[in-house]
Amino acid sequence: MQELEKLQKLQELVDQSRKIVFFGGAGVSTESGIPDFRSVDGLYNQHYSYPPEVMLSHRFYVTHTKEFFDFYRAKMLYLDAQPNAAHIKLAELERAGKLTAVVTQNIDGLHQKAGSERVMELHGSVHRNFCQRCHQIYDAQFILHSTGIPTCTCGGTIKPDVVLYEESLNPNTLTEAVDAIEHADLLVIGGTSLAVYPAASLIHYYRGNRLVLINKSTTSMDQNADLTIQGSIGEILGAIQVR
């Protein structure tokens, strides 16, 4: 099937659906200037004193807290990033009553910035930070402009509300995401290699027969999809008409 035919097929599926769920990963935000993890220029292919997956672990946060925050501020906070065409189109589909949920592995908050309201953030958000002693909430700007280990007025350490390696996903968010995926009549998976578990396993809860995969490279689920499109997710979703 030619690319134009695939875009036409995607448009038909969107037109026919009323409970679309979008499941997205880091590739959705790379077009907003936020690096992903596993590509050639991704975070895991850069060189630091420790591997990034170690520096983003719960154990490293506990045992090397200052080094964790030095890395976190430098490589995880992209607060000037703006939503791209994919974020904007998904918000438009939600406002039109066609998209019921965005399930995202991203922590950047760009879906909400674009106007999406029902967003399940599987790995948390850089925009929520809490004192581990008194639970006071702080925003991302506070963390960005802090130095050393950010501390609350009560003296407690402020921890980003993101899921680090060795930490469990929020059970309420998981339940909400599973429910949305189970009831979807079209599941669109975009910008993810489907290599991060347990998040990637959620797509197995989909019971419908309209599965679309949009990614720049192949994934382990391509053979199960009704439609696969390789390319820019911003260009592909941006071309969809909401009607």
C-alpha atoms as a PDB file:
ATOM      1  CA  MET A   1       0.000   0.000   0.000  1.00  0.00           C
ATOM      2  CA  GLN A   2       1.395   3.399  -1.006  1.00  0.00           C
ATOM      3  CA  GLU A   3       1.827   6.182   1.571  1.00  0.00           C
ATOM      4  CA  LEU A   4      -1.046   8.231   0.157  1.00  0.00           C
ATOM      5  CA  GLU A   5      -3.299   5.184   0.332  1.00  0.00           C
ATOM      6  CA  LYS A   6      -2.249   4.617   3.938  1.00  0.00           C
ATOM      7  CA  LEU A   7      -3.120   8.208   4.849  1.00  0.00           C
ATOM      8  CA  GLN A   8      -6.496   7.805   3.172  1.00  0.00           C
ATOM      9  CA  LYS A   9      -7.067   4.578   5.109  1.00  0.00           C
ATOM     10  CA  LEU A  10      -6.169   6.325   8.379  1.00  0.00           C
ATOM     11  CA  GLN A  11      -8.628   9.105   7.551  1.00  0.00           C
ATOM     12  CA  GLU A  12     -11.353   6.507   6.928  1.00  0.00           C
ATOM     13  CA  LEU A  13     -10.659   4.805  10.257  1.00  0.00           C
ATOM     14  CA  VAL A  14     -10.785   8.115  12.102  1.00  0.00           C
ATOM     15  CA  ASP A  15     -14.030   9.058  10.337  1.00  0.00           C
ATOM     16  CA  GLN A  16     -15.618   5.728  11.346  1.00  0.00           C
ATOM     17  CA  SER A  17     -14.545   5.874  15.002  1.00  0.00           C
ATOM     18  CA  ARG A  18     -16.045   7.516  18.058  1.00  0.00           C
ATOM     19  CA  LYS A  19     -13.851   6.148  20.859  1.00  0.00           C
ATOM     20  CA  ILE A  20     -10.307   6.711  19.663  1.00  0.00           C
ATOM     21  CA  VAL A  21      -7.472   6.153  22.127  1.00  0.00           C
ATOM     22  CA  PHE A  22      -3.950   7.305  21.362  1.00  0.00           C
ATOM     23  CA  PHE A  23      -1.011   5.495  22.983  1.00  0.00           C
ATOM     24  CA  GLY A  24       2.227   7.432  22.549  1.00  0.00           C
ATOM     25  CA  GLY A  25       5.892   7.439  23.431  1.00  0.00           C
ATOM     26  CA  ALA A  26       8.994   9.599  23.172  1.00  0.00           C
ATOM     27  CA  GLY A  27       8.765   9.889  19.392  1.00  0.00           C
ATOM     28  CA  VAL A  28       5.706  12.113  19.770  1.00  0.00           C
ATOM     29  CA  SER A  29       7.819  14.786  21.455  1.00  0.00           C
ATOM     30  CA  THR A  30      11.026  14.573  19.426  1.00  0.00           C
ATOM     31  CA  GLU A  31       9.423  16.870  16.857  1.00  0.00           C
ATOM     32  CA  SER A  32       9.072  19.406  19.667  1.00  0.00           C
ATOM     33  CA  GLY A  33      12.818  19.269  20.258  1.00  0.00           C
ATOM     34  CA  ILE A  34      12.825  16.832  23.175  1.00  0.00           C
ATOM     35  CA  PRO A  35      15.352  14.003  22.637  1.00  0.00           C
ATOM     36  CA  ASP A  36      14.148  10.427  22.899  1.00  0.00           C
ATOM     37  CA  PHE A  37      16.060   7.640  24.621  1.00  0.00           C
ATOM     38  CA  ARG A  38      16.971   4.937  22.132  1.00  0.00           C
ATOM     39  CA  SER A  39      17.652   6.569  18.767  1.00  0.00           C
ATOM     40  CA  VAL A  40      21.146   7.346  17.476  1.00  0.00           C
ATOM     41  CA  ASP A  41      21.053  10.797  19.073  1.00  0.00           C
ATOM     42  CA  GLY A  42      18.995   9.648  22.040  1.00  0.00           C
ATOM     43  CA  LEU A  43      19.824   9.910  25.695  1.00  0.00           C
ATOM     44  CA  TYR A  44      21.127   6.355  25.973  1.00  0.00           C
ATOM     45  CA  ASN A  45      23.732   6.954  23.283  1.00  0.00           C
ATOM     46  CA  GLN A  46      25.290   9.936  25.049  1.00  0.00           C
ATOM     47  CA  HIS A  47      28.182   9.577  27.469  1.00  0.00           C
ATOM     48  CA  TYR A  48      28.021  10.430  31.171  1.00  0.00           C
ATOM     49  CA  SER A  49      29.784   9.367  34.361  1.00  0.00           C
ATOM     50  CA  TYR A  50      27.043   6.746  34.786  1.00  0.00           C
ATOM     51  CA  PRO A  51      24.646   5.224  32.236  1.00  0.00           C
ATOM     52  CA  PRO A  52      21.434   7.309  31.967  1.00  0.00           C
ATOM     53  CA  GLU A  53      19.289   4.337  33.017  1.00  0.00           C
ATOM     54  CA  VAL A  54      21.338   4.181  36.237  1.00  0.00           C
ATOM     55  CA  MET A  55      21.088   7.933  36.840  1.00  0.00           C
ATOM     56  CA  LEU A  56      17.307   7.756  36.382  1.00  0.00           C
ATOM     57  CA  SER A  57      16.883   4.893  38.854  1.00  0.00           C
ATOM     58  CA  HIS A  58      15.356   5.039  42.316  1.00  0.00           C
ATOM     59  CA  ARG A  59      18.556   3.706  43.829  1.00  0.00           C
ATOM     60  CA  PHE A  60      20.666   6.439  42.247  1.00  0.00           C
ATOM     61  CA  TYR A  61      18.159   9.065  43.405  1.00  0.00           C
ATOM     62  CA  VAL A  62      18.550   7.814  46.967  1.00  0.00           C
ATOM     63  CA  THR A  63      22.321   7.262  46.985  1.00  0.00           C
ATOM     64  CA  HIS A  64      23.515  10.065  44.657  1.00  0.00           C
ATOM     65  CA  THR A  65      20.773  12.649  45.084  1.00  0.00           C
ATOM     66  CA  LYS A  66      22.769  15.717  44.027  1.00  0.00           C
ATOM     67  CA  GLU A  67      24.136  13.974  40.917  1.00  0.00           C
ATOM     68  CA  PHE A  68      20.602  12.843  40.090  1.00  0.00           C
ATOM     69  CA  PHE A  69      19.304  16.417  40.145  1.00  0.00           C
ATOM     70  CA  ASP A  70      22.261  17.757  38.167  1.00  0.00           C
ATOM     71  CA  PHE A  71      21.451  15.254  35.412  1.00  0.00           C
ATOM     72  CA  TYR A  72      17.685  15.731  35.730  1.00  0.00           C
ATOM     73  CA  ARG A  73      17.873  19.511  35.318  1.00  0.00           C
ATOM     74  CA  ALA A  74      20.245  19.255  32.351  1.00  0.00           C
ATOM     75  CA  LYS A  75      18.583  16.440  30.414  1.00  0.00           C
ATOM     76  CA  MET A  76      14.962  15.977  31.503  1.00  0.00           C
ATOM     77  CA  LEU A  77      13.539  19.496  31.717  1.00  0.00           C
ATOM     78  CA  TYR A  78      12.561  21.064  28.386  1.00  0.00           C
ATOM     79  CA  LEU A  79      10.136  23.640  29.694  1.00  0.00           C
ATOM     80  CA  ASP A  80      10.258  25.861  26.597  1.00  0.00           C
ATOM     81  CA  ALA A  81       9.187  23.025  24.289  1.00  0.00           C
ATOM     82  CA  GLN A  82       5.938  23.607  22.420  1.00  0.00           C
ATOM     83  CA  PRO A  83       3.318  21.107  21.215  1.00  0.00           C
ATOM     84  CA  ASN A  84       3.739  19.928  17.638  1.00  0.00           C
ATOM     85  CA  ALA A  85       1.133  19.026  15.030  1.00  0.00           C
ATOM     86  CA  ALA A  86       0.530  15.599  16.593  1.00  0.00           C
ATOM     87  CA  HIS A  87      -0.281  17.025  20.045  1.00  0.00           C
ATOM     88  CA  ILE A  88      -2.501  19.687  18.500  1.00  0.00           C
ATOM     89  CA  LYS A  89      -4.449  17.243  16.315  1.00  0.00           C
ATOM     90  CA  LEU A  90      -5.095  14.879  19.235  1.00  0.00           C
ATOM     91  CA  ALA A  91      -6.479  17.762  21.295  1.00  0.00           C
ATOM     92  CA  GLU A  92      -8.682  18.714  18.345  1.00  0.00           C
ATOM     93  CA  LEU A  93     -10.006  15.156  18.082  1.00  0.00           C
ATOM     94  CA  GLU A  94     -10.834  15.178  21.785  1.00  0.00           C
ATOM     95  CA  ARG A  95     -12.713  18.481  21.531  1.00  0.00           C
ATOM     96  CA  ALA A  96     -14.683  17.017  18.611  1.00  0.00           C
ATOM     97  CA  GLY A  97     -15.788  14.115  20.826  1.00  0.00           C
ATOM     98  CA  LYS A  98     -13.937  11.485  18.794  1.00  0.00           C
ATOM     99  CA  LEU A  99     -10.919  10.798  21.022  1.00  0.00           C
ATOM    100  CA  THR A 100     -11.585   9.542  24.539  1.00  0.00           C
ATOM    101  CA  ALA A 101      -8.057   9.395  25.967  1.00  0.00           C
ATOM    102  CA  VAL A 102      -4.352   9.921  25.439  1.00  0.00           C
ATOM    103  CA  VAL A 103      -2.172   7.339  27.174  1.00  0.00           C
ATOM    104  CA  THR A 104       1.400   8.591  27.180  1.00  0.00           C
ATOM    105  CA  GLN A 105       4.795   7.406  28.331  1.00  0.00           C
ATOM    106  CA  ASN A 106       6.059  11.000  28.143  1.00  0.00           C
ATOM    107  CA  ILE A 107       6.562  13.243  31.154  1.00  0.00           C
ATOM    108  CA  ASP A 108       6.733  16.613  29.386  1.00  0.00           C
ATOM    109  CA  GLY A 109       3.089  17.730  29.670  1.00  0.00           C
ATOM    110  CA  LEU A 110       2.876  18.737  26.006  1.00  0.00           C
ATOM    111  CA  HIS A 111      -0.459  16.991  25.476  1.00  0.00           C
ATOM    112  CA  GLN A 112      -2.039  19.167  28.156  1.00  0.00           C
ATOM    113  CA  LYS A 113      -0.251  22.232  26.796  1.00  0.00           C
ATOM    114  CA  ALA A 114      -1.913  21.527  23.428  1.00  0.00           C
ATOM    115  CA  GLY A 115      -5.324  21.349  25.082  1.00  0.00           C
ATOM    116  CA  SER A 116      -5.887  17.637  25.749  1.00  0.00           C
ATOM    117  CA  GLU A 117      -7.772  17.070  28.979  1.00  0.00           C
ATOM    118  CA  ARG A 118      -7.994  13.300  29.458  1.00  0.00           C
ATOM    119  CA  VAL A 119      -4.330  12.326  29.567  1.00  0.00           C
ATOM    120  CA  MET A 120      -3.009   9.292  31.444  1.00  0.00           C
ATOM    121  CA  GLU A 121       0.660   9.910  32.194  1.00  0.00           C
ATOM    122  CA  LEU A 122       2.053   6.434  32.812  1.00  0.00           C
ATOM    123  CA  HIS A 123       5.471   7.714  33.858  1.00  0.00           C
ATOM    124  CA  GLY A 124       4.338  10.835  35.697  1.00  0.00           C
ATOM    125  CA  SER A 125       5.128  14.461  34.896  1.00  0.00           C
ATOM    126  CA  VAL A 126       8.023  16.864  35.360  1.00  0.00           C
ATOM    127  CA  HIS A 127       5.426  19.522  36.158  1.00  0.00           C
ATOM    128  CA  ARG A 128       4.496  17.900  39.475  1.00  0.00           C
ATOM    129  CA  ASN A 129       7.049  17.753  42.272  1.00  0.00           C
ATOM    130  CA  PHE A 130       6.355  17.062  45.904  1.00  0.00           C
ATOM    131  CA  CYS A 131       8.081  17.342  49.261  1.00  0.00           C
ATOM    132  CA  GLN A 132       8.748  13.884  50.607  1.00  0.00           C
ATOM    133  CA  ARG A 133       8.200  15.129  54.152  1.00  0.00           C
ATOM    134  CA  CYS A 134       5.126  17.402  54.089  1.00  0.00           C
ATOM    135  CA  HIS A 135       3.880  16.676  50.509  1.00  0.00           C
ATOM    136  CA  GLN A 136       3.767  20.330  49.451  1.00  0.00           C
ATOM    137  CA  ILE A 137       3.623  20.650  45.659  1.00  0.00           C
ATOM    138  CA  TYR A 138       6.189  22.513  43.551  1.00  0.00           C
ATOM    139  CA  ASP A 139       6.258  23.218  39.822  1.00  0.00           C
ATOM    140  CA  ALA A 140       8.964  22.404  37.292  1.00  0.00           C
ATOM    141  CA  GLN A 141      10.296  25.958  37.242  1.00  0.00           C
ATOM    142  CA  PHE A 142      11.159  25.638  40.923  1.00  0.00           C
ATOM    143  CA  ILE A 143      13.204  22.516  40.234  1.00  0.00           C
ATOM    144  CA  LEU A 144      14.873  24.030  37.166  1.00  0.00           C
ATOM    145  CA  HIS A 145      16.031  27.128  39.017  1.00  0.00           C
ATOM    146  CA  SER A 146      17.047  25.351  42.199  1.00  0.00           C
ATOM    147  CA  THR A 147      20.633  24.288  42.877  1.00  0.00           C
ATOM    148  CA  GLY A 148      21.989  21.147  44.459  1.00  0.00           C
ATOM    149  CA  ILE A 149      19.222  19.145  46.121  1.00  0.00           C
ATOM    150  CA  PRO A 150      15.917  21.083  46.007  1.00  0.00           C
ATOM    151  CA  THR A 151      14.403  21.392  49.457  1.00  0.00           C
ATOM    152  CA  CYS A 152      11.007  22.410  50.780  1.00  0.00           C
ATOM    153  CA  THR A 153      10.400  25.213  53.286  1.00  0.00           C
ATOM    154  CA  CYS A 154       9.989  22.424  55.855  1.00  0.00           C
ATOM    155  CA  GLY A 155      13.463  21.105  55.022  1.00  0.00           C
ATOM    156  CA  GLY A 156      12.311  17.997  53.182  1.00  0.00           C
ATOM    157  CA  THR A 157      13.676  16.887  49.801  1.00  0.00           C
ATOM    158  CA  ILE A 158      11.472  17.675  46.793  1.00  0.00           C
ATOM    159  CA  LYS A 159      11.090  14.706  44.431  1.00  0.00           C
ATOM    160  CA  PRO A 160       9.824  14.898  40.862  1.00  0.00           C
ATOM    161  CA  ASP A 161       6.563  13.012  40.362  1.00  0.00           C
ATOM    162  CA  VAL A 162       8.092  10.835  37.649  1.00  0.00           C
ATOM    163  CA  VAL A 163       8.424   7.070  37.642  1.00  0.00           C
ATOM    164  CA  LEU A 164      12.099   6.176  37.960  1.00  0.00           C
ATOM    165  CA  TYR A 165      13.594   2.806  37.111  1.00  0.00           C
ATOM    166  CA  GLU A 166      12.858   0.346  39.955  1.00  0.00           C
ATOM    167  CA  GLU A 167       9.640   2.217  40.798  1.00  0.00           C
ATOM    168  CA  SER A 168       6.108   0.994  40.069  1.00  0.00           C
ATOM    169  CA  LEU A 169       3.609   2.728  37.847  1.00  0.00           C
ATOM    170  CA  ASN A 170       0.728   4.483  39.573  1.00  0.00           C
ATOM    171  CA  PRO A 171      -2.024   1.829  39.941  1.00  0.00           C
ATOM    172  CA  ASN A 172      -4.850   4.350  39.474  1.00  0.00           C
ATOM    173  CA  THR A 173      -3.323   5.634  36.240  1.00  0.00           C
ATOM    174  CA  LEU A 174      -2.850   2.052  35.049  1.00  0.00           C
ATOM    175  CA  THR A 175      -6.474   1.161  35.781  1.00  0.00           C
ATOM    176  CA  GLU A 176      -7.731   4.251  33.967  1.00  0.00           C
ATOM    177  CA  ALA A 177      -5.506   3.549  30.951  1.00  0.00           C
ATOM    178  CA  VAL A 178      -6.573  -0.100  30.724  1.00  0.00           C
ATOM    179  CA  ASP A 179     -10.244   0.900  30.872  1.00  0.00           C
ATOM    180  CA  ALA A 180      -9.812   3.444  28.088  1.00  0.00           C
ATOM    181  CA  ILE A 181      -7.916   1.007  25.856  1.00  0.00           C
ATOM    182  CA  GLU A 182     -10.411  -1.816  26.453  1.00  0.00           C
ATOM    183  CA  HIS A 183     -13.317   0.375  25.326  1.00  0.00           C
ATOM    184  CA  ALA A 184     -11.605   1.973  22.324  1.00  0.00           C
ATOM    185  CA  ASP A 185     -12.976   1.394  18.840  1.00  0.00           C
ATOM    186  CA  LEU A 186      -9.702   2.624  17.309  1.00  0.00           C
ATOM    187  CA  LEU A 187      -6.298   2.369  18.981  1.00  0.00           C
ATOM    188  CA  VAL A 188      -3.569   4.517  17.454  1.00  0.00           C
ATOM    189  CA  ILE A 189      -0.052   3.787  18.695  1.00  0.00           C
ATOM    190  CA  GLY A 190       2.516   6.408  17.796  1.00  0.00           C
ATOM    191  CA  GLY A 191       6.105   7.421  18.445  1.00  0.00           C
ATOM    192  CA  THR A 192       7.058   4.398  20.499  1.00  0.00           C
ATOM    193  CA  SER A 193       9.270   1.366  19.952  1.00  0.00           C
ATOM    194  CA  LEU A 194       7.019  -0.585  22.355  1.00  0.00           C
ATOM    195  CA  ALA A 195      10.164  -1.627  24.210  1.00  0.00           C
ATOM    196  CA  VAL A 196       9.375  -0.106  27.618  1.00  0.00           C
ATOM    197  CA  TYR A 197       7.471  -2.403  29.959  1.00  0.00           C
ATOM    198  CA  PRO A 198       5.088  -2.624  31.682  1.00  0.00           C
ATOM    199  CA  ALA A 199       3.699   0.378  29.766  1.00  0.00           C
ATOM    200  CA  ALA A 200       3.907  -1.320  26.356  1.00  0.00           C
ATOM    201  CA  SER A 201       1.974  -4.339  27.626  1.00  0.00           C
ATOM    202  CA  LEU A 202      -1.145  -2.197  28.054  1.00  0.00           C
ATOM    203  CA  ILE A 203      -1.930  -2.374  24.349  1.00  0.00           C
ATOM    204  CA  HIS A 204      -2.751  -6.066  24.761  1.00  0.00           C
ATOM    205  CA  TYR A 205      -5.948  -4.981  26.526  1.00  0.00           C
ATOM    206  CA  TYR A 206      -7.293  -3.631  23.247  1.00  0.00           C
ATOM    207  CA  ARG A 207     -10.279  -5.694  22.101  1.00  0.00           C
ATOM    208  CA  GLY A 208     -11.148  -3.840  18.896  1.00  0.00           C
ATOM    209  CA  ASN A 209     -10.201  -4.548  15.291  1.00  0.00           C
ATOM    210  CA  ARG A 210      -8.766  -1.183  14.275  1.00  0.00           C
ATOM    211  CA  LEU A 211      -5.131  -1.000  15.333  1.00  0.00           C
ATOM    212  CA  VAL A 212      -2.883   1.640  13.761  1.00  0.00           C
ATOM    213  CA  LEU A 213       0.873   1.929  14.291  1.00  0.00           C
ATOM    214  CA  ILE A 214       2.701   5.145  13.378  1.00  0.00           C
ATOM    215  CA  ASN A 215       6.450   5.201  13.940  1.00  0.00           C
ATOM    216  CA  LYS A 216       9.667   6.048  12.141  1.00  0.00           C
ATOM    217  CA  SER A 217      10.920   2.468  12.527  1.00  0.00           C
ATOM    218  CA  THR A 218       9.345  -0.975  12.769  1.00  0.00           C
ATOM    219  CA  THR A 219       7.992  -2.306  16.070  1.00  0.00           C
ATOM    220  CA  SER A 220       7.316  -5.723  17.524  1.00  0.00           C
ATOM    221  CA  MET A 221       3.571  -5.209  16.982  1.00  0.00           C
ATOM    222  CA  ASP A 222       3.636  -4.284  13.284  1.00  0.00           C
ATOM    223  CA  GLN A 223       2.398  -7.708  12.200  1.00  0.00           C
ATOM    224  CA  ASN A 224      -0.656  -7.313  14.446  1.00  0.00           C
ATOM    225  CA  ALA A 225      -1.661  -3.914  13.116  1.00  0.00           C
ATOM    226  CA  ASP A 226      -4.422  -3.245  10.617  1.00  0.00           C
ATOM    227  CA  LEU A 227      -2.423  -0.281   9.348  1.00  0.00           C
ATOM    228  CA  THR A 228       1.243   0.683   9.774  1.00  0.00           C
ATOM    229  CA  ILE A 229       2.656   4.013   8.641  1.00  0.00           C
ATOM    230  CA  GLN A 230       6.325   4.889   8.884  1.00  0.00           C
ATOM    231  CA  GLY A 231       7.187   8.573   9.019  1.00  0.00           C
ATOM    232  CA  SER A 232       6.783  11.810  10.963  1.00  0.00           C
ATOM    233  CA  ILE A 233       3.919  11.487  13.415  1.00  0.00           C
ATOM    234  CA  GLY A 234       3.362  15.246  13.306  1.00  0.00           C
ATOM    235  CA  GLU A 235       2.982  15.227   9.536  1.00  0.00           C
ATOM    236  CA  ILE A 236       0.803  12.109   9.537  1.00  0.00           C
ATOM    237  CA  LEU A 237      -1.616  13.118  12.288  1.00  0.00           C
ATOM    238  CA  GLY A 238      -1.491  16.742  11.182  1.00  0.00           C
ATOM    239  CA  ALA A 239      -2.904  15.715   7.799  1.00  0.00           C
ATOM    240  CA  ILE A 240      -6.005  14.150   9.374  1.00  0.00           C
ATOM    241  CA  GLN A 241      -9.231  16.107   9.020  1.00  0.00           C
ATOM    242  CA  VAL A 242     -11.587  16.214  11.983  1.00  0.00           C
ATOM    243  CA  ARG A 243     -15.167  15.879  10.815  1.00  0.00           C
END
